[in-house]
N, C-alpha and C. Protein backbone atom coordinates (compact mmCIF):
# COMPACT_ATOMS: atom_id res chain seq x y z
N MET A 1 19.91 -37.11 37.88
CA MET A 1 18.61 -37.00 37.24
C MET A 1 18.16 -35.54 37.17
N GLY A 2 18.52 -34.75 38.14
CA GLY A 2 18.15 -33.34 38.13
C GLY A 2 18.76 -32.61 36.96
N MET A 3 19.91 -33.03 36.52
CA MET A 3 20.59 -32.37 35.40
C MET A 3 19.82 -32.58 34.10
N GLY A 4 19.19 -33.73 33.92
CA GLY A 4 18.41 -34.01 32.71
C GLY A 4 17.22 -33.09 32.56
N TRP A 5 16.52 -32.85 33.67
CA TRP A 5 15.39 -31.93 33.62
C TRP A 5 15.83 -30.50 33.34
N GLY A 6 16.99 -30.13 33.81
CA GLY A 6 17.53 -28.79 33.55
C GLY A 6 17.78 -28.57 32.07
N TRP A 7 18.35 -29.56 31.39
CA TRP A 7 18.58 -29.46 29.95
C TRP A 7 17.26 -29.41 29.18
N LEU A 8 16.29 -30.18 29.61
CA LEU A 8 14.98 -30.17 28.95
C LEU A 8 14.32 -28.80 29.11
N PHE A 9 14.38 -28.26 30.31
CA PHE A 9 13.81 -26.93 30.54
C PHE A 9 14.51 -25.88 29.68
N LEU A 10 15.83 -25.95 29.59
CA LEU A 10 16.59 -25.00 28.79
C LEU A 10 16.23 -25.12 27.32
N ALA A 11 16.10 -26.35 26.82
CA ALA A 11 15.74 -26.56 25.42
C ALA A 11 14.34 -26.00 25.14
N LEU A 12 13.39 -26.25 26.03
CA LEU A 12 12.04 -25.72 25.85
C LEU A 12 12.01 -24.19 25.91
N LEU A 13 12.83 -23.63 26.77
CA LEU A 13 12.92 -22.18 26.88
C LEU A 13 13.46 -21.57 25.59
N ILE A 14 14.47 -22.19 25.02
CA ILE A 14 15.05 -21.68 23.76
C ILE A 14 14.05 -21.80 22.62
N VAL A 15 13.41 -22.97 22.51
CA VAL A 15 12.41 -23.16 21.44
C VAL A 15 11.27 -22.16 21.60
N GLY A 16 10.80 -21.97 22.82
CA GLY A 16 9.71 -21.02 23.06
C GLY A 16 10.11 -19.59 22.71
N SER A 17 11.33 -19.22 23.03
CA SER A 17 11.82 -17.88 22.71
C SER A 17 11.89 -17.66 21.21
N VAL A 18 12.40 -18.67 20.49
CA VAL A 18 12.49 -18.56 19.03
C VAL A 18 11.09 -18.43 18.42
N LEU A 19 10.15 -19.24 18.88
CA LEU A 19 8.79 -19.17 18.37
C LEU A 19 8.14 -17.81 18.66
N LEU A 20 8.42 -17.28 19.82
CA LEU A 20 7.89 -15.96 20.17
C LEU A 20 8.45 -14.88 19.25
N VAL A 21 9.74 -14.92 18.99
CA VAL A 21 10.35 -13.94 18.10
C VAL A 21 9.76 -14.06 16.69
N VAL A 22 9.61 -15.29 16.19
CA VAL A 22 9.04 -15.50 14.86
C VAL A 22 7.61 -14.95 14.80
N ALA A 23 6.81 -15.22 15.82
CA ALA A 23 5.44 -14.73 15.85
C ALA A 23 5.40 -13.20 15.88
N LEU A 24 6.27 -12.59 16.65
CA LEU A 24 6.31 -11.12 16.72
C LEU A 24 6.72 -10.51 15.39
N VAL A 25 7.71 -11.10 14.74
CA VAL A 25 8.16 -10.57 13.45
C VAL A 25 7.06 -10.71 12.40
N ARG A 26 6.39 -11.84 12.38
CA ARG A 26 5.30 -12.02 11.41
C ARG A 26 4.16 -11.05 11.69
N GLY A 27 3.81 -10.86 12.92
CA GLY A 27 2.74 -9.93 13.26
C GLY A 27 3.10 -8.50 12.95
N TRP A 28 4.32 -8.16 13.22
CA TRP A 28 4.78 -6.81 12.97
C TRP A 28 4.82 -6.50 11.48
N SER A 29 5.37 -7.38 10.69
CA SER A 29 5.48 -7.14 9.25
C SER A 29 4.13 -7.23 8.58
N GLY A 30 3.22 -8.03 9.09
CA GLY A 30 1.89 -8.14 8.51
C GLY A 30 1.07 -6.88 8.64
N ARG A 31 1.25 -6.16 9.74
CA ARG A 31 0.50 -4.93 9.96
C ARG A 31 0.91 -3.83 9.00
N GLY A 32 2.12 -3.84 8.54
CA GLY A 32 2.57 -2.80 7.62
C GLY A 32 1.91 -2.90 6.27
N ASP A 33 1.53 -4.07 5.83
CA ASP A 33 0.92 -4.24 4.52
C ASP A 33 -0.59 -4.04 4.54
N ALA A 34 -1.23 -4.36 5.61
CA ALA A 34 -2.68 -4.35 5.66
C ALA A 34 -3.30 -2.99 5.38
N PRO A 35 -2.85 -1.89 5.99
CA PRO A 35 -3.53 -0.63 5.75
C PRO A 35 -3.49 -0.18 4.30
N ARG A 36 -2.40 -0.46 3.61
CA ARG A 36 -2.33 -0.04 2.22
C ARG A 36 -3.41 -0.69 1.38
N SER A 37 -3.57 -2.00 1.48
CA SER A 37 -4.59 -2.68 0.70
C SER A 37 -5.99 -2.28 1.16
N THR A 38 -6.16 -2.05 2.45
CA THR A 38 -7.46 -1.63 2.97
C THR A 38 -7.79 -0.22 2.49
N ASP A 39 -6.80 0.68 2.49
CA ASP A 39 -7.03 2.04 2.02
C ASP A 39 -7.42 2.03 0.55
N ARG A 40 -6.75 1.23 -0.24
CA ARG A 40 -7.05 1.19 -1.67
C ARG A 40 -8.46 0.66 -1.90
N SER A 41 -8.83 -0.41 -1.22
CA SER A 41 -10.17 -0.95 -1.40
C SER A 41 -11.23 0.02 -0.87
N ARG A 42 -10.91 0.74 0.20
CA ARG A 42 -11.84 1.74 0.74
C ARG A 42 -12.01 2.88 -0.26
N ALA A 43 -10.94 3.29 -0.93
CA ALA A 43 -11.03 4.35 -1.93
C ALA A 43 -11.94 3.91 -3.07
N ARG A 44 -11.78 2.67 -3.49
CA ARG A 44 -12.62 2.14 -4.57
C ARG A 44 -14.08 2.06 -4.11
N GLU A 45 -14.28 1.69 -2.87
CA GLU A 45 -15.63 1.60 -2.31
C GLU A 45 -16.31 2.97 -2.32
N VAL A 46 -15.59 4.00 -1.91
CA VAL A 46 -16.14 5.35 -1.91
C VAL A 46 -16.44 5.80 -3.33
N LEU A 47 -15.55 5.50 -4.25
CA LEU A 47 -15.76 5.86 -5.65
C LEU A 47 -17.00 5.17 -6.20
N ASP A 48 -17.16 3.90 -5.90
CA ASP A 48 -18.35 3.16 -6.34
C ASP A 48 -19.63 3.77 -5.77
N GLU A 49 -19.57 4.16 -4.50
CA GLU A 49 -20.75 4.77 -3.87
C GLU A 49 -21.10 6.10 -4.52
N ARG A 50 -20.10 6.90 -4.81
CA ARG A 50 -20.35 8.19 -5.46
C ARG A 50 -20.94 8.01 -6.85
N TYR A 51 -20.44 7.01 -7.56
CA TYR A 51 -20.96 6.71 -8.90
C TYR A 51 -22.41 6.22 -8.81
N ALA A 52 -22.70 5.37 -7.83
CA ALA A 52 -24.05 4.85 -7.67
C ALA A 52 -25.05 5.95 -7.30
N ARG A 53 -24.60 6.94 -6.53
CA ARG A 53 -25.48 8.05 -6.15
C ARG A 53 -25.64 9.08 -7.27
N GLY A 54 -24.83 8.96 -8.31
CA GLY A 54 -24.92 9.90 -9.43
C GLY A 54 -24.10 11.15 -9.23
N GLU A 55 -23.20 11.16 -8.26
CA GLU A 55 -22.37 12.34 -8.01
C GLU A 55 -21.31 12.53 -9.09
N ILE A 56 -20.89 11.44 -9.70
CA ILE A 56 -19.91 11.52 -10.79
C ILE A 56 -20.46 10.74 -11.99
N ASP A 57 -20.06 11.16 -13.19
CA ASP A 57 -20.54 10.47 -14.39
C ASP A 57 -19.61 9.31 -14.75
N THR A 58 -20.00 8.59 -15.80
CA THR A 58 -19.27 7.38 -16.18
C THR A 58 -17.84 7.68 -16.59
N ASP A 59 -17.63 8.75 -17.35
CA ASP A 59 -16.27 9.09 -17.79
C ASP A 59 -15.35 9.41 -16.60
N GLU A 60 -15.86 10.20 -15.66
CA GLU A 60 -15.05 10.53 -14.49
C GLU A 60 -14.78 9.29 -13.64
N TYR A 61 -15.78 8.44 -13.52
CA TYR A 61 -15.61 7.19 -12.76
C TYR A 61 -14.51 6.33 -13.38
N GLN A 62 -14.60 6.11 -14.69
CA GLN A 62 -13.61 5.28 -15.38
C GLN A 62 -12.21 5.89 -15.30
N ASP A 63 -12.14 7.21 -15.40
CA ASP A 63 -10.84 7.89 -15.31
C ASP A 63 -10.22 7.70 -13.93
N ARG A 64 -11.01 7.83 -12.90
CA ARG A 64 -10.48 7.67 -11.53
C ARG A 64 -10.09 6.22 -11.24
N VAL A 65 -10.88 5.28 -11.75
CA VAL A 65 -10.52 3.87 -11.57
C VAL A 65 -9.19 3.59 -12.26
N GLN A 66 -9.01 4.14 -13.44
CA GLN A 66 -7.76 3.96 -14.18
C GLN A 66 -6.60 4.60 -13.43
N GLN A 67 -6.81 5.75 -12.83
CA GLN A 67 -5.75 6.42 -12.07
C GLN A 67 -5.36 5.61 -10.83
N MET A 68 -6.31 4.90 -10.26
CA MET A 68 -6.02 4.06 -9.11
C MET A 68 -5.31 2.77 -9.53
N GLY A 69 -5.31 2.49 -10.82
CA GLY A 69 -4.63 1.29 -11.29
C GLY A 69 -5.47 0.05 -11.17
N GLU A 70 -6.77 0.21 -11.14
CA GLU A 70 -7.67 -0.92 -11.02
C GLU A 70 -8.55 -1.01 -12.25
N ARG A 71 -9.13 -2.18 -12.42
CA ARG A 71 -10.08 -2.38 -13.51
C ARG A 71 -11.49 -2.39 -12.94
N GLU A 72 -12.43 -2.09 -13.82
CA GLU A 72 -13.84 -2.10 -13.40
C GLU A 72 -14.31 -3.49 -13.09
């Protein structure tokens, strides 16, 4: 009977290890994409703020939005 529990423990250990590796890989790869999208949205946010304060005119605003590859 002791041998049965040993196999169960080994199986749970393997499954847990695989799940841990999958979670680490997903977390690691997810962090690489997040800053890029956040930086782009932050750039647009700053541009919108400058336009709202009147620091840049409509033509400059539209030109910079176009350079960022976004639409108004």
